[in-house]
Amino acid sequence: AAETHVDRSIARPESFLHSNVQGVFNLLEALRHHNSSARFVQISTDEVYGDILRGSFTEESTLKPSSPYSASKAAGDVFVQAYARTYGLEAMVTRCTNNYGPFQFPEKLIPKTILRAKSGLRIPIYGTGENVRDWIYVIDHCRAVEAVLLRGEKGEIYNISAAEEMSNLDVVKIILQALGKSEDLIDFVDDRPGHDARYSLDSTKIRSELHWHPQENFAEGIAETVAWYLENEPWWQPLMDERVLHPAPWTLRW
């Protein structure tokens, strides 16, 4: 998925243009000139649709990205569809909800909460913490991508969702409970610019056409994730720095 951190895209949008748009273009050009029969899956995001207060986005919903990150992903998606139609490439797009699980970079909400709480540091919550995200365990996402790669139709878009909606505040509280830490660690900070209120995807298409279904529920997945970070400090410790732990990363110079 190349550059993925929304906060960093606010501070340094040009790197997202380079990776998420130019990078996709480069891959498509390589396919067009050297292996036009290969199958290509653009792994995108629910954020290209913007936010939605009620209901869920379908693959036919209008793109309305709110951040430089989601705008760059939307642009990449459009290039993929254009190349599928113009050059006949076997290219498809997946749009997934928020991932969690082992090996996620510590700048993301769930690992950042685990690692800050483990060290007794305050947990920054943007705004009121009522922003809702739809969570999916990383292995379920991988299985969905595999299904699209093997059985997806050229030029099609597939939404991927486990339908596990939860506010950011509730996610943090669940992690603190799992770690035996007090909710007093929660620190409400200024909200991020352009912060979407709620994401929700309708994944009927991939479930009915490609017979994919999520296998992990959030309660089990988050317990496994917390345990993994506690047991794998040699992996994440070299990745930790002031920027990763900062409560407002979009204010930093990257």
Protein backbone atom coordinates (compact mmCIF):
# COMPACT_ATOMS: atom_id res chain seq x y z
CA ALA A 1 0.00 0.00 0.00
CA ALA A 2 3.10 2.24 -0.13
CA GLU A 3 2.72 5.42 1.97
CA THR A 4 -0.21 4.90 4.35
CA HIS A 5 -0.02 7.26 7.32
CA VAL A 6 -2.64 10.01 7.13
CA ASP A 7 -0.92 12.19 9.72
CA ARG A 8 2.33 12.14 7.78
CA SER A 9 0.51 12.96 4.53
CA ILE A 10 -0.71 16.19 6.11
CA ALA A 11 2.85 17.20 7.00
CA ARG A 12 4.51 15.95 3.80
CA PRO A 13 2.01 15.32 0.98
CA GLU A 14 4.57 15.24 -1.84
CA SER A 15 5.96 11.85 -0.75
CA PHE A 16 2.45 10.39 -1.05
CA LEU A 17 2.08 11.73 -4.56
CA HIS A 18 5.41 10.14 -5.48
CA SER A 19 4.73 6.71 -3.96
CA ASN A 20 0.99 6.25 -4.32
CA VAL A 21 0.43 7.84 -7.74
CA GLN A 22 3.75 7.83 -9.59
CA GLY A 23 4.57 4.45 -8.05
CA VAL A 24 1.34 2.89 -9.31
CA PHE A 25 1.88 4.45 -12.72
CA ASN A 26 5.38 2.95 -12.89
CA LEU A 27 4.06 -0.52 -12.07
CA LEU A 28 1.29 -0.27 -14.66
CA GLU A 29 3.76 0.86 -17.31
CA ALA A 30 6.04 -2.07 -16.48
CA LEU A 31 3.13 -4.46 -16.92
CA ARG A 32 2.01 -2.82 -20.15
CA HIS A 33 5.43 -3.07 -21.76
CA HIS A 34 6.82 -6.27 -20.29
CA ASN A 35 4.08 -8.60 -18.97
CA SER A 36 0.63 -7.46 -20.05
CA SER A 37 -0.97 -10.82 -19.21
CA ALA A 38 -0.04 -10.66 -15.50
CA ARG A 39 -2.79 -10.04 -12.97
CA PHE A 40 -2.45 -6.87 -10.87
CA VAL A 41 -4.26 -5.91 -7.66
CA GLN A 42 -4.20 -2.30 -6.46
CA ILE A 43 -4.58 -2.45 -2.67
CA SER A 44 -6.48 0.70 -1.80
CA THR A 45 -8.49 2.05 1.12
CA ASP A 46 -12.00 2.87 2.28
CA GLU A 47 -10.78 6.43 2.83
CA VAL A 48 -11.09 7.23 -0.89
CA TYR A 49 -14.86 7.54 -0.33
CA GLY A 50 -14.54 10.08 2.49
CA ASP A 51 -16.75 9.62 5.54
CA ILE A 52 -20.36 8.51 5.87
CA LEU A 53 -22.67 9.16 8.83
CA ARG A 54 -25.25 6.44 8.03
CA GLY A 55 -25.19 3.35 5.87
CA SER A 56 -22.17 1.99 4.02
CA PHE A 57 -20.26 2.77 0.85
CA THR A 58 -20.56 0.41 -2.12
CA GLU A 59 -18.17 0.07 -5.03
CA GLU A 60 -20.39 2.49 -6.96
CA SER A 61 -20.10 5.29 -4.39
CA THR A 62 -18.52 8.59 -5.40
CA LEU A 63 -14.88 9.20 -4.50
CA LYS A 64 -14.51 12.07 -2.05
CA PRO A 65 -11.12 11.80 -0.32
CA SER A 66 -10.45 14.04 2.68
CA SER A 67 -6.66 13.88 3.09
CA PRO A 68 -3.58 13.95 0.86
CA TYR A 69 -3.19 10.24 1.63
CA SER A 70 -6.69 9.26 0.49
CA ALA A 71 -6.47 11.58 -2.52
CA SER A 72 -3.26 9.86 -3.62
CA LYS A 73 -4.85 6.43 -3.25
CA ALA A 74 -7.93 7.51 -5.21
CA ALA A 75 -5.70 8.77 -8.02
CA GLY A 76 -3.88 5.44 -8.12
CA ASP A 77 -7.21 3.58 -8.27
CA VAL A 78 -8.35 5.63 -11.25
CA PHE A 79 -5.10 4.92 -13.10
CA VAL A 80 -5.58 1.18 -12.55
CA GLN A 81 -9.10 1.26 -13.95
CA ALA A 82 -7.99 3.37 -16.90
CA TYR A 83 -5.17 0.96 -17.76
CA ALA A 84 -7.51 -2.03 -17.48
CA ARG A 85 -9.89 -0.41 -19.95
CA THR A 86 -7.41 1.22 -22.34
CA TYR A 87 -4.69 -1.44 -22.47
CA GLY A 88 -6.65 -4.50 -21.43
CA LEU A 89 -4.53 -5.18 -18.34
CA GLU A 90 -5.84 -7.79 -15.91
CA ALA A 91 -5.98 -5.17 -13.16
CA MET A 92 -8.37 -4.85 -10.22
CA VAL A 93 -8.81 -2.61 -7.17
CA THR A 94 -9.51 -3.61 -3.58
CA ARG A 95 -10.65 -1.08 -0.99
CA CYS A 96 -10.31 -2.24 2.59
CA THR A 97 -11.26 -0.96 6.01
CA ASN A 98 -8.78 -0.39 8.86
CA ASN A 99 -6.32 -3.25 9.32
CA TYR A 100 -4.80 -4.47 12.59
CA GLY A 101 -2.61 -7.36 13.64
CA PRO A 102 1.06 -8.39 13.95
CA PHE A 103 3.85 -6.46 12.20
CA GLN A 104 1.85 -3.21 11.86
CA PHE A 105 4.11 -0.16 11.97
CA PRO A 106 4.00 1.47 15.45
CA GLU A 107 2.67 4.81 14.13
CA LYS A 108 -0.83 3.30 13.70
CA LEU A 109 -3.51 3.63 16.39
CA ILE A 110 -3.54 0.07 17.77
CA PRO A 111 0.22 -0.63 18.01
CA LYS A 112 0.86 2.94 19.15
CA THR A 113 -1.67 2.51 21.95
CA ILE A 114 -0.21 -0.85 22.97
CA LEU A 115 3.38 0.41 23.06
CA ARG A 116 2.66 3.73 24.76
CA ALA A 117 0.49 2.06 27.40
CA LYS A 118 3.12 -0.62 27.97
CA SER A 119 5.57 2.16 28.83
CA GLY A 120 3.07 4.03 31.02
CA LEU A 121 2.80 6.92 28.54
CA ARG A 122 -0.37 8.90 27.88
CA ILE A 123 -2.51 7.72 24.97
CA PRO A 124 -3.43 10.61 22.64
CA ILE A 125 -7.02 10.54 21.38
CA TYR A 126 -7.88 12.99 18.61
CA GLY A 127 -10.87 15.19 19.40
CA THR A 128 -13.59 13.33 21.30
CA GLY A 129 -12.49 9.88 20.17
CA GLU A 130 -15.92 9.19 18.72
CA ASN A 131 -14.60 8.75 15.15
CA VAL A 132 -15.73 5.30 14.01
CA ARG A 133 -13.58 2.84 12.08
CA ASP A 134 -14.44 -0.54 10.58
CA TRP A 135 -11.74 -3.01 11.68
CA ILE A 136 -10.43 -6.15 9.94
CA TYR A 137 -7.71 -8.58 11.01
CA VAL A 138 -4.77 -8.51 8.61
CA ILE A 139 -4.97 -12.22 7.72
CA ASP A 140 -8.60 -11.80 6.65
CA HIS A 141 -7.53 -8.92 4.43
CA CYS A 142 -4.78 -11.08 2.90
CA ARG A 143 -7.28 -13.84 2.14
CA ALA A 144 -9.54 -11.29 0.44
CA VAL A 145 -6.69 -9.97 -1.72
CA GLU A 146 -5.81 -13.54 -2.69
CA ALA A 147 -9.42 -14.17 -3.72
CA VAL A 148 -9.40 -11.07 -5.94
CA LEU A 149 -6.02 -11.97 -7.44
CA LEU A 150 -7.18 -15.48 -8.33
CA ARG A 151 -10.84 -14.94 -9.21
CA GLY A 152 -11.51 -11.20 -9.57
CA GLU A 153 -12.79 -9.69 -12.81
CA LYS A 154 -10.64 -7.31 -14.86
CA GLY A 155 -11.26 -3.63 -14.06
CA GLU A 156 -13.52 -4.38 -11.09
CA ILE A 157 -13.47 -2.85 -7.60
CA TYR A 158 -14.00 -4.97 -4.48
CA ASN A 159 -14.77 -3.52 -1.04
CA ILE A 160 -13.35 -5.56 1.85
CA SER A 161 -14.92 -5.29 5.30
CA ALA A 162 -15.42 -7.47 8.37
CA ALA A 163 -18.25 -5.17 9.56
CA GLU A 164 -16.62 -4.61 12.95
CA GLU A 165 -17.34 -0.92 13.61
CA MET A 166 -15.97 0.71 16.72
CA SER A 167 -15.01 4.19 17.90
CA ASN A 168 -11.34 4.99 18.37
CA LEU A 169 -12.02 5.64 22.04
CA ASP A 170 -13.58 2.20 22.55
CA VAL A 171 -10.63 0.54 20.78
CA VAL A 172 -8.18 2.26 23.12
CA LYS A 173 -10.25 1.28 26.18
CA ILE A 174 -10.26 -2.37 25.08
CA ILE A 175 -6.47 -2.33 24.71
CA LEU A 176 -5.96 -0.69 28.10
CA GLN A 177 -8.19 -3.32 29.69
CA ALA A 178 -6.22 -6.11 28.01
CA LEU A 179 -2.99 -4.63 29.38
CA GLY A 180 -4.40 -4.05 32.85
CA LYS A 181 -3.84 -0.30 32.50
CA SER A 182 -6.02 2.55 33.77
CA GLU A 183 -8.17 4.64 31.44
CA ASP A 184 -6.53 7.63 33.16
CA LEU A 185 -3.78 7.24 30.55
CA ILE A 186 -6.19 8.56 27.90
CA ASP A 187 -5.31 12.09 26.80
CA PHE A 188 -7.75 13.97 24.57
CA VAL A 189 -5.77 16.18 22.18
CA ASP A 190 -6.62 18.57 19.33
CA ASP A 191 -8.28 16.83 16.42
CA ARG A 192 -6.44 16.09 13.20
CA PRO A 193 -7.25 18.38 10.24
CA GLY A 194 -9.94 16.89 7.98
CA HIS A 195 -10.54 13.96 10.33
CA ASP A 196 -13.27 11.71 8.88
CA ALA A 197 -16.12 10.90 11.28
CA ARG A 198 -16.98 7.36 10.19
CA TYR A 199 -15.95 4.75 7.65
CA SER A 200 -18.16 1.85 6.65
CA LEU A 201 -18.01 -0.43 3.62
CA ASP A 202 -20.57 -2.76 2.09
CA SER A 203 -18.64 -5.93 1.16
CA THR A 204 -21.58 -7.83 -0.35
CA LYS A 205 -19.88 -8.02 -3.75
CA ILE A 206 -16.71 -9.88 -2.70
CA ARG A 207 -18.70 -12.15 -0.39
CA SER A 208 -21.27 -13.15 -3.02
CA GLU A 209 -19.09 -13.21 -6.16
CA LEU A 210 -15.76 -14.47 -4.80
CA HIS A 211 -17.09 -16.33 -1.71
CA TRP A 212 -14.77 -14.58 0.72
CA HIS A 213 -15.78 -14.17 4.36
CA PRO A 214 -13.79 -12.90 7.37
CA GLN A 215 -12.80 -15.57 9.89
CA GLU A 216 -11.45 -13.54 12.83
CA ASN A 217 -13.62 -11.44 15.14
CA PHE A 218 -12.28 -8.30 16.80
CA ALA A 219 -12.26 -9.69 20.35
CA GLU A 220 -10.02 -12.60 19.36
CA GLY A 221 -7.92 -10.58 16.92
CA ILE A 222 -7.12 -7.75 19.32
CA ALA A 223 -6.11 -10.20 22.07
CA GLU A 224 -3.73 -11.93 19.64
CA THR A 225 -2.38 -8.55 18.50
CA VAL A 226 -1.68 -7.29 22.02
CA ALA A 227 0.09 -10.54 22.87
CA TRP A 228 2.18 -10.36 19.71
CA TYR A 229 3.52 -6.86 20.46
CA LEU A 230 4.31 -7.80 24.05
CA GLU A 231 6.27 -10.83 22.83
CA ASN A 232 8.10 -9.22 19.90
CA GLU A 233 9.96 -6.18 21.20
CA PRO A 234 13.07 -6.98 19.07
CA TRP A 235 10.92 -6.33 15.97
CA TRP A 236 9.31 -3.03 16.96
CA GLN A 237 11.94 -1.45 19.21
CA PRO A 238 14.23 -0.33 16.32
CA LEU A 239 11.24 1.39 14.70
CA MET A 240 10.47 3.59 17.68
CA ASP A 241 11.44 7.25 17.64
CA GLU A 242 10.01 10.60 18.73
CA ARG A 243 7.91 10.95 15.57
CA VAL A 244 6.29 7.54 15.94
CA LEU A 245 5.27 8.23 19.53
CA HIS A 246 4.34 11.88 19.04
CA PRO A 247 0.71 12.75 19.97
CA ALA A 248 0.24 15.02 16.90
CA PRO A 249 2.48 13.69 14.08
CA TRP A 250 1.02 16.00 11.43
CA THR A 251 2.70 18.96 13.17
CA LEU A 252 6.20 17.52 12.72
CA ARG A 253 8.77 17.87 9.97
CA TRP A 254 9.35 14.48 8.31
